[in-house]
């Protein structure tokens, strides 16, 4: 069976990456692409690398244009998806790459986003540990999927095994992330200009203000951490690379946990996973190793002097962090091979 797909926000980075992956998917026909201010223009004017889709023209983003497809993927800024998802009740599968359907707590939405709160959808991180199992079980047959925030899923995948196994203490988590500016989208912003970021590292959303914090707390609570016992210091830093996240996350070692217990927790969680890999002891990933791939590479260190576990995780924010997670979740929901149209191999140099 071939599924017809409409992709909104198709002129942006996330939309473009979703299209790149779907263009190679044998079960997908990309029928419609939409935008706002760029409507009426050829897709390749905004995504010149997508040569196989040169025949498509960006249409207006309206419920009428999006309806009538088997799958609709929304790659819109936060707060804009809800107005369309409410009108797509007859669409068999809708995937939101924005934040509108990620959070289960209205209070968290109000505190970090504001505006209308929309019902939470099935969270699109298949490998995430949830209630003793994996999130992929909840994705099978799902009709509404919330793709993750790239920073949030990276930190959650980094720490969930330790939380689930009880070998780390989630009350004192510290995460510092080096991130590429493509995660902020294509909108023109002074702080994202090349002249502002080249040769510089720039922290932002410092002091517990980043919108992905409640998403991380929600994921770690699902992995088994007491909801009121999760405290995280989260600091992202823009660095001059177009793509990528390198997240360094640390947490105290739980009383009684041995070195073997700690490494076994991550090995047990990800040993059989296609896209999440624990590297050998003493090895740590680089963002260059995951460019273009749907892989998350994790390096684990046990620091007994500081009594902390350190996990260093690299992902491509546009693939495993966003579009790849959406396509992987889509495959599961449709009963297709989970890795269809997704690669574990990065691009080098």
Protein backbone atom coordinates (compact mmCIF):
# COMPACT_ATOMS: atom_id res chain seq x y z
CA UNK A 1 0.00 0.00 0.00
CA UNK A 2 1.14 3.51 -0.80
CA UNK A 3 0.20 6.26 1.66
CA UNK A 4 -0.46 9.81 0.48
CA UNK A 5 1.22 12.50 2.58
CA UNK A 6 0.87 16.23 3.05
CA UNK A 7 3.69 18.12 4.79
CA UNK A 8 3.08 21.58 6.21
CA UNK A 9 5.91 23.98 6.97
CA UNK A 10 7.66 22.44 3.97
CA UNK A 11 9.92 25.44 3.34
CA UNK A 12 11.52 25.22 6.82
CA UNK A 13 14.38 23.12 8.13
CA UNK A 14 12.27 20.49 9.90
CA UNK A 15 9.81 20.28 7.03
CA UNK A 16 12.64 19.96 4.55
CA UNK A 17 14.24 17.15 6.53
CA UNK A 18 10.92 15.31 6.79
CA UNK A 19 10.57 15.59 3.01
CA UNK A 20 14.14 14.37 2.44
CA UNK A 21 13.47 11.22 4.43
CA UNK A 22 9.99 10.59 2.99
CA UNK A 23 11.27 11.06 -0.56
CA UNK A 24 13.25 7.83 -0.13
CA UNK A 25 10.38 5.94 1.51
CA UNK A 26 8.96 3.23 -0.80
CA UNK A 27 5.52 3.28 0.84
CA UNK A 28 4.99 7.05 0.71
CA UNK A 29 3.75 9.40 -1.98
CA UNK A 30 4.43 13.04 -1.14
CA UNK A 31 1.38 14.62 -2.71
CA UNK A 32 1.11 18.03 -1.08
CA UNK A 33 3.51 20.55 0.48
CA UNK A 34 2.33 23.72 2.17
CA UNK A 35 3.71 26.94 3.62
CA UNK A 36 2.51 30.36 4.73
CA UNK A 37 4.37 33.36 3.28
CA UNK A 38 6.10 31.16 0.68
CA UNK A 39 2.89 29.66 -0.71
CA UNK A 40 2.71 29.72 -4.51
CA UNK A 41 6.45 29.27 -4.97
CA UNK A 42 8.24 26.11 -6.19
CA UNK A 43 9.42 23.90 -3.33
CA UNK A 44 12.94 23.74 -4.80
CA UNK A 45 13.30 27.50 -4.47
CA UNK A 46 13.42 26.88 -0.71
CA UNK A 47 14.72 23.29 -0.61
CA UNK A 48 17.12 23.19 -3.59
CA UNK A 49 18.66 19.93 -2.37
CA UNK A 50 15.36 18.05 -2.84
CA UNK A 51 15.72 17.50 -6.59
CA UNK A 52 13.31 14.56 -6.72
CA UNK A 53 10.54 16.86 -5.46
CA UNK A 54 11.15 19.66 -7.97
CA UNK A 55 7.68 19.15 -9.43
CA UNK A 56 5.94 20.29 -6.22
CA UNK A 57 4.64 23.80 -5.55
CA UNK A 58 4.03 25.13 -2.06
CA UNK A 59 0.33 25.60 -1.35
CA UNK A 60 -1.41 27.57 1.37
CA UNK A 61 -1.53 25.89 4.77
CA UNK A 62 -5.25 25.41 5.30
CA UNK A 63 -7.30 22.50 6.67
CA UNK A 64 -8.89 22.13 3.25
CA UNK A 65 -5.52 21.67 1.51
CA UNK A 66 -4.20 19.32 4.20
CA UNK A 67 -7.29 17.12 4.37
CA UNK A 68 -7.87 14.15 2.09
CA UNK A 69 -4.48 12.54 2.72
CA UNK A 70 -3.62 9.34 4.56
CA UNK A 71 -0.95 11.15 6.61
CA UNK A 72 -0.44 14.80 7.50
CA UNK A 73 2.85 15.94 9.01
CA UNK A 74 2.85 19.37 10.64
CA UNK A 75 6.25 21.08 10.86
CA UNK A 76 5.06 24.43 12.18
CA UNK A 77 6.27 26.81 14.89
CA UNK A 78 5.08 26.07 18.40
CA UNK A 79 1.53 27.18 19.02
CA UNK A 80 0.43 26.95 15.38
CA UNK A 81 -0.35 23.26 14.92
CA UNK A 82 -3.43 23.10 17.13
CA UNK A 83 -5.56 25.20 14.80
CA UNK A 84 -5.07 22.57 12.10
CA UNK A 85 -5.11 19.37 14.15
CA UNK A 86 -8.55 20.26 15.47
CA UNK A 87 -9.81 20.33 11.88
CA UNK A 88 -8.13 17.09 10.73
CA UNK A 89 -10.30 14.65 12.62
CA UNK A 90 -10.87 12.49 9.53
CA UNK A 91 -7.17 12.10 8.69
CA UNK A 92 -6.04 8.57 9.61
CA UNK A 93 -2.59 9.65 10.89
CA UNK A 94 -1.42 13.11 11.94
CA UNK A 95 2.13 13.78 13.19
CA UNK A 96 2.96 17.08 14.86
CA UNK A 97 6.63 18.06 14.85
CA UNK A 98 5.87 21.10 17.02
CA UNK A 99 5.27 21.23 20.75
CA UNK A 100 1.50 21.63 20.73
CA UNK A 101 0.68 18.01 21.64
CA UNK A 102 3.74 16.93 23.64
CA UNK A 103 2.96 17.95 27.20
CA UNK A 104 0.44 16.21 29.43
CA UNK A 105 0.38 19.02 32.00
CA UNK A 106 -1.62 22.15 31.28
CA UNK A 107 0.27 23.94 34.05
CA UNK A 108 3.61 23.15 32.37
CA UNK A 109 2.27 24.37 29.03
CA UNK A 110 1.07 27.60 30.57
CA UNK A 111 4.37 28.15 32.38
CA UNK A 112 6.70 27.47 29.42
CA UNK A 113 4.63 28.19 26.30
CA UNK A 114 1.31 29.89 26.98
CA UNK A 115 -1.68 30.11 24.68
CA UNK A 116 -4.20 27.37 24.01
CA UNK A 117 -3.48 23.97 25.52
CA UNK A 118 -4.14 20.96 23.29
CA UNK A 119 -4.58 17.33 24.25
CA UNK A 120 -1.38 15.27 24.51
CA UNK A 121 -0.69 12.78 21.73
CA UNK A 122 1.40 9.60 21.70
CA UNK A 123 5.01 10.67 22.24
CA UNK A 124 7.28 9.87 19.30
CA UNK A 125 10.44 8.50 20.94
CA UNK A 126 10.20 4.72 20.37
CA UNK A 127 13.25 3.75 22.45
CA UNK A 128 12.21 5.68 25.54
CA UNK A 129 11.73 3.50 28.61
CA UNK A 130 8.13 3.74 29.84
CA UNK A 131 6.49 1.78 32.67
CA UNK A 132 8.90 -1.12 32.38
CA UNK A 133 8.63 -1.29 28.58
CA UNK A 134 9.36 0.90 25.57
CA UNK A 135 7.40 3.77 24.09
CA UNK A 136 7.19 1.96 20.74
CA UNK A 137 4.46 -0.27 22.18
CA UNK A 138 2.28 2.82 22.58
CA UNK A 139 3.06 3.90 19.01
CA UNK A 140 1.74 0.74 17.37
CA UNK A 141 -1.49 1.66 15.64
CA UNK A 142 -1.37 5.25 16.92
CA UNK A 143 -3.34 7.80 14.90
CA UNK A 144 -1.91 10.94 16.53
CA UNK A 145 1.82 11.32 17.23
CA UNK A 146 3.76 14.16 18.86
CA UNK A 147 7.33 14.18 17.57
CA UNK A 148 9.78 15.19 20.31
CA UNK A 149 11.76 18.30 21.02
CA UNK A 150 15.30 17.57 19.87
CA UNK A 151 17.04 18.65 23.08
CA UNK A 152 14.41 16.97 25.23
CA UNK A 153 14.62 13.57 23.57
CA UNK A 154 18.43 13.67 23.60
CA UNK A 155 18.59 14.27 27.36
CA UNK A 156 15.75 11.83 28.06
CA UNK A 157 17.40 9.03 26.09
CA UNK A 158 20.65 9.83 27.87
CA UNK A 159 19.29 9.38 31.38
CA UNK A 160 16.15 7.22 31.24
CA UNK A 161 18.03 3.89 31.58
CA UNK A 162 19.67 5.04 34.81
CA UNK A 163 16.36 6.29 36.16
CA UNK A 164 14.50 3.09 35.24
CA UNK A 165 17.18 0.89 36.81
CA UNK A 166 17.44 3.05 39.93
CA UNK A 167 21.19 3.56 39.57
CA UNK A 168 21.12 7.36 39.39
CA UNK A 169 19.45 10.01 41.53
CA UNK A 170 17.18 12.23 39.36
CA UNK A 171 17.00 14.97 41.98
CA UNK A 172 20.30 16.55 40.86
CA UNK A 173 20.59 16.33 37.06
CA UNK A 174 22.83 18.73 35.20
CA UNK A 175 22.73 18.86 31.37
CA UNK A 176 24.79 21.17 29.18
CA UNK A 177 24.21 20.96 25.44
CA UNK A 178 26.16 22.23 22.44
CA UNK A 179 23.54 22.77 19.74
CA UNK A 180 23.46 23.90 16.13
CA UNK A 181 21.23 26.83 15.16
CA UNK A 182 19.11 24.83 12.70
CA UNK A 183 17.07 23.72 15.71
CA UNK A 184 15.74 27.27 15.95
CA UNK A 185 14.25 27.15 12.45
CA UNK A 186 14.72 29.34 9.40
CA UNK A 187 13.19 32.56 10.71
CA UNK A 188 15.55 35.51 10.48
CA UNK A 189 16.90 36.28 13.95
CA UNK A 190 19.86 38.49 14.75
CA UNK A 191 21.39 36.06 17.25
CA UNK A 192 21.43 33.32 14.58
CA UNK A 193 23.23 35.32 11.89
CA UNK A 194 26.55 33.83 10.81
CA UNK A 195 28.38 36.96 11.92
CA UNK A 196 26.98 36.45 15.43
CA UNK A 197 27.70 32.73 15.89
CA UNK A 198 30.82 32.01 13.84
CA UNK A 199 33.81 31.78 16.14
CA UNK A 200 31.63 31.99 19.23
CA UNK A 201 29.65 29.88 21.70
CA UNK A 202 26.46 31.50 22.96
CA UNK A 203 24.35 30.25 25.87
CA UNK A 204 20.62 30.83 25.78
CA UNK A 205 17.53 30.03 27.87
CA UNK A 206 19.75 29.90 30.96
CA UNK A 207 18.42 29.36 34.46
CA UNK A 208 15.58 26.90 33.97
CA UNK A 209 13.72 28.78 31.25
CA UNK A 210 14.13 26.47 28.24
CA UNK A 211 10.84 25.07 26.96
CA UNK A 212 12.14 21.51 26.72
CA UNK A 213 12.58 21.18 30.50
CA UNK A 214 8.99 20.03 31.25
CA UNK A 215 9.25 17.56 28.37
CA UNK A 216 12.37 16.03 29.91
CA UNK A 217 10.72 15.86 33.31
CA UNK A 218 7.69 14.18 31.76
CA UNK A 219 9.83 11.57 29.99
CA UNK A 220 11.92 10.76 33.06
CA UNK A 221 8.78 10.45 35.17
CA UNK A 222 7.47 7.94 32.62
CA UNK A 223 10.74 6.04 32.99
CA UNK A 224 10.13 5.70 36.73
CA UNK A 225 11.41 8.84 38.44
CA UNK A 226 9.09 10.36 41.05
CA UNK A 227 7.53 13.37 39.34
CA UNK A 228 8.20 15.68 42.28
CA UNK A 229 11.72 14.33 42.71
CA UNK A 230 13.12 15.39 39.34
CA UNK A 231 15.35 18.46 39.36
CA UNK A 232 17.31 19.42 36.28
CA UNK A 233 19.71 22.23 35.50
CA UNK A 234 19.54 22.56 31.71
CA UNK A 235 21.80 24.89 29.73
CA UNK A 236 21.93 24.90 25.91
CA UNK A 237 24.77 26.63 24.10
CA UNK A 238 24.65 27.64 20.43
CA UNK A 239 27.84 26.65 18.60
CA UNK A 240 28.84 27.26 14.98
CA UNK A 241 27.71 23.99 13.38
CA UNK A 242 24.61 23.83 11.22
CA UNK A 243 23.38 20.52 12.63
CA UNK A 244 23.88 18.56 15.77
CA UNK A 245 23.48 18.26 19.51
CA UNK A 246 26.18 17.12 21.91
CA UNK A 247 24.54 16.71 25.31
CA UNK A 248 26.61 16.15 28.44
CA UNK A 249 24.32 15.02 31.25
CA UNK A 250 25.34 14.05 34.76
CA UNK A 251 23.52 12.75 37.83
CA UNK A 252 24.57 11.37 41.23
CA UNK A 253 25.11 7.65 41.56
CA UNK A 254 22.38 6.02 43.63
CA UNK A 255 23.41 4.40 46.90
CA UNK A 256 24.62 0.85 46.42
CA UNK A 257 24.89 0.97 42.62
CA UNK A 258 28.03 -0.77 41.36
CA UNK A 259 29.92 0.12 38.20
CA UNK A 260 28.59 -3.05 36.62
CA UNK A 261 25.02 -2.17 37.61
CA UNK A 262 25.37 1.24 36.01
CA UNK A 263 26.73 0.12 32.65
CA UNK A 264 24.33 -2.82 32.54
CA UNK A 265 21.39 -0.40 32.87
CA UNK A 266 22.26 1.34 29.61
CA UNK A 267 23.35 -1.86 27.87
CA UNK A 268 20.09 -3.57 28.80
CA UNK A 269 18.05 -0.58 27.60
CA UNK A 270 19.75 -0.11 24.23
CA UNK A 271 21.67 -3.28 23.45
CA UNK A 272 19.12 -4.43 20.87
CA UNK A 273 18.16 -1.02 19.49
CA UNK A 274 18.81 -0.11 15.86
CA UNK A 275 19.18 3.62 16.33
CA UNK A 276 20.43 4.15 19.90
CA UNK A 277 23.93 2.84 20.51
CA UNK A 278 25.97 2.68 23.72
CA UNK A 279 29.63 3.05 22.79
CA UNK A 280 32.37 0.89 24.37
CA UNK A 281 33.75 2.01 27.72
CA UNK A 282 36.11 4.95 27.26
CA UNK A 283 34.62 5.99 23.89
CA UNK A 284 32.57 9.14 23.39
CA UNK A 285 30.68 10.41 20.32
CA UNK A 286 31.13 13.43 18.11
CA UNK A 287 28.34 15.28 16.37
CA UNK A 288 30.18 14.65 13.09
CA UNK A 289 29.47 10.93 13.52
CA UNK A 290 25.69 11.32 13.28
CA UNK A 291 25.17 13.96 10.58
CA UNK A 292 22.34 12.77 8.35
CA UNK A 293 21.74 9.65 10.44
CA UNK A 294 18.85 8.62 12.66
CA UNK A 295 21.26 7.45 15.34
CA UNK A 296 21.89 8.56 18.90
CA UNK A 297 25.39 7.65 20.07
CA UNK A 298 26.01 7.53 23.83
CA UNK A 299 29.26 7.47 25.77
CA UNK A 300 29.07 6.59 29.47
CA UNK A 301 31.54 7.50 32.22
CA UNK A 302 31.42 6.63 35.92
CA UNK A 303 33.11 9.28 38.04
CA UNK A 304 33.52 7.83 41.53
CA UNK A 305 35.48 10.87 42.74
CA UNK A 306 32.45 13.07 42.09
CA UNK A 307 30.02 10.19 42.70
CA UNK A 308 28.28 10.95 39.39
CA UNK A 309 27.43 9.24 36.12
CA UNK A 310 28.18 11.24 32.98
CA UNK A 311 26.47 10.48 29.67
CA UNK A 312 27.60 12.21 26.49
CA UNK A 313 25.11 11.86 23.63
CA UNK A 314 25.35 13.00 20.01
CA UNK A 315 22.43 13.31 17.62
CA UNK A 316 21.59 15.14 14.43
CA UNK A 317 18.89 17.48 15.72
CA UNK A 318 17.07 17.50 12.38
CA UNK A 319 17.05 13.70 12.02
CA UNK A 320 16.94 11.70 15.25
CA UNK A 321 15.94 14.87 17.07
CA UNK A 322 12.96 15.69 14.85
CA UNK A 323 12.25 14.33 11.35
CA UNK A 324 13.80 10.90 11.86
CA UNK A 325 11.87 10.43 15.08
CA UNK A 326 8.68 11.38 13.22
CA UNK A 327 9.30 8.94 10.37
CA UNK A 328 10.41 6.15 12.72
CA UNK A 329 7.25 6.63 14.78
CA UNK A 330 5.16 6.76 11.59
CA UNK A 331 6.62 3.43 10.48
CA UNK A 332 5.71 1.83 13.79
CA UNK A 333 2.19 3.25 13.75
CA UNK A 334 1.59 1.90 10.25
CA UNK A 335 3.08 -1.53 10.98
CA UNK A 336 5.99 -0.99 8.59
CA UNK A 337 9.61 -1.94 9.29
CA UNK A 338 10.80 0.58 11.87
CA UNK A 339 13.96 1.47 9.99
CA UNK A 340 12.36 2.04 6.58
CA UNK A 341 13.87 5.11 4.85
CA UNK A 342 16.15 5.72 7.85
CA UNK A 343 19.92 5.26 8.03
CA UNK A 344 22.27 4.48 10.87
CA UNK A 345 25.15 5.80 8.80
CA UNK A 346 26.25 9.40 9.04
CA UNK A 347 27.95 11.55 6.41
CA UNK A 348 31.69 12.17 6.69
CA UNK A 349 33.80 14.22 6.57
